């Protein structure tokens, strides 16, 4: 259910990425789509929802709470039964399966909150550490864990490359 929903979200919002993902093995494609769905919805809250910033903050806070509920449950079904949206419940299963650090998604949500209420950054390092990390780098990290799951000895080097790509983008 979550994969099908994520696939529709991906196909609707990113035709080119959707086409590229068709070349991945099915198990990997499904998980990449779950990653995409989990980051797309909060981004839509920030960029597309025609509501006040306070309401956006409330929705992001609720999304974060649901993420933590999903991380603490022992199955997709239990997450959904606890009221977690299917996109997030599916993503939480990917996080658990690949031992993706839980705080990466918190950093992503922190960056979404900065999109709602921007602040001035002191310098490029402050910008990278406190915005780009959450908005771009960790998304690459999620994909890195899925892509290199069979080559754990290469994960640190791949994460380093992913970080540099996130900064460049």
Protein backbone atom coordinates (compact mmCIF):
# COMPACT_ATOMS: atom_id res chain seq x y z
CA UNK A 1 0.00 0.00 0.00
CA UNK A 2 2.71 2.46 1.01
CA UNK A 3 4.89 1.64 -2.00
CA UNK A 4 1.99 2.09 -4.43
CA UNK A 5 1.08 5.40 -2.84
CA UNK A 6 4.70 6.56 -2.87
CA UNK A 7 5.00 5.53 -6.52
CA UNK A 8 1.99 7.71 -7.40
CA UNK A 9 3.50 10.62 -5.47
CA UNK A 10 6.81 10.18 -7.28
CA UNK A 11 5.19 9.86 -10.70
CA UNK A 12 3.10 12.98 -10.08
CA UNK A 13 5.88 15.20 -8.73
CA UNK A 14 9.04 14.07 -10.51
CA UNK A 15 8.61 12.48 -13.91
CA UNK A 16 12.34 12.29 -14.64
CA UNK A 17 13.26 10.68 -11.29
CA UNK A 18 10.30 8.32 -11.70
CA UNK A 19 11.64 7.17 -15.08
CA UNK A 20 15.16 6.69 -13.72
CA UNK A 21 13.90 4.57 -10.82
CA UNK A 22 12.34 2.12 -13.29
CA UNK A 23 15.90 0.84 -13.93
CA UNK A 24 16.45 -0.15 -10.30
CA UNK A 25 15.78 -3.69 -9.10
CA UNK A 26 12.20 -3.88 -7.78
CA UNK A 27 13.13 -4.25 -4.08
CA UNK A 28 15.39 -1.21 -4.31
CA UNK A 29 12.92 0.80 -6.41
CA UNK A 30 10.18 0.20 -3.83
CA UNK A 31 12.40 1.46 -1.02
CA UNK A 32 13.60 4.49 -3.00
CA UNK A 33 9.97 5.36 -3.68
CA UNK A 34 9.21 5.15 0.04
CA UNK A 35 12.10 7.53 0.72
CA UNK A 36 10.77 9.92 -1.90
CA UNK A 37 7.25 9.86 -0.47
CA UNK A 38 8.50 10.54 3.04
CA UNK A 39 10.37 13.67 2.02
CA UNK A 40 7.90 14.92 -0.56
CA UNK A 41 4.94 15.34 1.78
CA UNK A 42 6.68 17.63 4.30
CA UNK A 43 8.15 19.58 1.38
CA UNK A 44 4.64 20.01 -0.01
CA UNK A 45 3.42 21.24 3.39
CA UNK A 46 6.07 23.94 3.26
CA UNK A 47 5.95 24.88 -0.41
CA UNK A 48 2.42 24.16 -1.62
CA UNK A 49 -0.12 24.17 1.19
CA UNK A 50 -2.05 27.45 1.16
CA UNK A 51 -2.16 27.78 4.94
CA UNK A 52 -0.58 30.04 7.55
CA UNK A 53 2.95 29.30 8.70
CA UNK A 54 1.70 28.39 12.19
CA UNK A 55 -0.50 25.71 10.64
CA UNK A 56 2.44 24.41 8.59
CA UNK A 57 4.47 24.15 11.79
CA UNK A 58 1.68 22.17 13.46
CA UNK A 59 1.51 19.75 10.51
CA UNK A 60 5.29 19.29 10.52
CA UNK A 61 5.26 18.69 14.29
CA UNK A 62 2.55 16.06 13.89
CA UNK A 63 4.49 14.43 11.05
CA UNK A 64 7.58 14.28 13.28
CA UNK A 65 5.57 12.73 16.13
CA UNK A 66 4.19 10.12 13.75
CA UNK A 67 7.70 9.34 12.52
CA UNK A 68 8.81 8.60 16.08
CA UNK A 69 5.75 6.44 16.69
CA UNK A 70 6.53 4.47 13.53
CA UNK A 71 10.18 4.03 14.50
CA UNK A 72 9.12 2.59 17.87
CA UNK A 73 6.61 0.10 16.49
CA UNK A 74 7.64 -3.37 15.37
CA UNK A 75 5.80 -3.45 12.04
CA UNK A 76 4.22 -1.45 9.26
CA UNK A 77 0.80 -2.71 10.33
CA UNK A 78 1.30 -1.58 13.93
CA UNK A 79 2.42 1.85 12.75
CA UNK A 80 -0.65 2.30 10.58
CA UNK A 81 -2.88 1.01 13.40
CA UNK A 82 -1.29 3.66 15.64
CA UNK A 83 -2.43 6.35 13.20
CA UNK A 84 0.82 6.84 11.31
CA UNK A 85 0.27 7.84 7.65
CA UNK A 86 1.15 5.01 5.26
CA UNK A 87 3.96 6.99 3.56
CA UNK A 88 5.68 7.50 6.88
CA UNK A 89 5.02 3.99 8.14
CA UNK A 90 6.62 2.57 5.00
CA UNK A 91 9.62 4.88 5.26
CA UNK A 92 10.12 3.96 8.92
CA UNK A 93 10.41 0.32 7.85
CA UNK A 94 13.18 1.31 5.43
CA UNK A 95 14.94 3.24 8.21
CA UNK A 96 14.78 0.21 10.49
CA UNK A 97 15.75 -2.30 7.79
CA UNK A 98 18.93 -0.44 6.82
CA UNK A 99 19.76 0.97 10.28
CA UNK A 100 19.58 4.51 8.94
CA UNK A 101 20.30 6.87 11.83
CA UNK A 102 16.94 8.07 13.13
CA UNK A 103 18.18 11.63 13.56
CA UNK A 104 18.74 12.07 9.82
CA UNK A 105 15.00 12.41 9.28
CA UNK A 106 14.76 14.78 12.24
CA UNK A 107 17.39 16.92 10.50
CA UNK A 108 15.31 16.84 7.35
CA UNK A 109 12.23 18.02 9.27
CA UNK A 110 14.32 20.71 10.97
CA UNK A 111 15.25 22.03 7.52
CA UNK A 112 11.58 22.01 6.48
CA UNK A 113 10.82 24.11 9.56
CA UNK A 114 13.52 26.56 8.46
CA UNK A 115 11.73 26.82 5.14
CA UNK A 116 8.63 27.89 7.05
CA UNK A 117 10.51 30.34 9.25
CA UNK A 118 13.88 31.18 7.65
CA UNK A 119 16.75 32.63 9.58
CA UNK A 120 19.94 34.38 8.57
CA UNK A 121 22.98 32.10 8.47
CA UNK A 122 26.29 33.33 9.86
CA UNK A 123 28.44 31.79 7.14
CA UNK A 124 28.61 28.94 4.64
CA UNK A 125 29.46 26.39 7.33
CA UNK A 126 26.39 27.43 9.34
CA UNK A 127 24.28 27.12 6.19
CA UNK A 128 25.68 23.66 5.38
CA UNK A 129 25.47 22.34 8.94
CA UNK A 130 22.04 23.71 9.80
CA UNK A 131 20.12 23.77 6.54
CA UNK A 132 21.77 21.99 3.61
CA UNK A 133 22.53 18.97 5.80
CA UNK A 134 18.83 18.46 6.52
CA UNK A 135 17.39 19.59 3.21
CA UNK A 136 19.73 17.81 0.81
CA UNK A 137 22.53 15.80 2.37
CA UNK A 138 20.41 13.46 4.48
CA UNK A 139 18.13 12.69 1.54
CA UNK A 140 21.22 11.45 -0.28
CA UNK A 141 22.18 9.52 2.84
CA UNK A 142 18.81 7.72 2.85
CA UNK A 143 19.40 6.62 -0.73
CA UNK A 144 23.00 5.69 0.02
CA UNK A 145 21.92 3.24 2.70
CA UNK A 146 19.47 1.62 0.29
CA UNK A 147 21.88 1.55 -2.68
CA UNK A 148 24.95 0.19 -0.88
CA UNK A 149 23.26 -2.17 1.54
CA UNK A 150 25.20 -5.09 0.13
CA UNK A 151 28.56 -3.32 0.45
CA UNK A 152 28.66 -2.17 4.08
CA UNK A 153 32.43 -1.78 3.96
CA UNK A 154 31.97 1.01 1.41
CA UNK A 155 29.29 2.99 3.27
CA UNK A 156 31.51 5.69 4.78
CA UNK A 157 33.13 6.61 1.48
CA UNK A 158 29.78 6.59 -0.26
CA UNK A 159 28.25 8.80 2.44
CA UNK A 160 31.12 11.25 1.99
CA UNK A 161 30.44 11.42 -1.76
CA UNK A 162 26.73 11.79 -1.09
CA UNK A 163 27.40 14.70 1.26
CA UNK A 164 29.51 16.50 -1.33
CA UNK A 165 26.81 16.00 -3.96
CA UNK A 166 24.17 17.36 -1.56
CA UNK A 167 26.25 20.47 -0.92
CA UNK A 168 26.83 20.97 -4.64
CA UNK A 169 23.14 20.66 -5.43
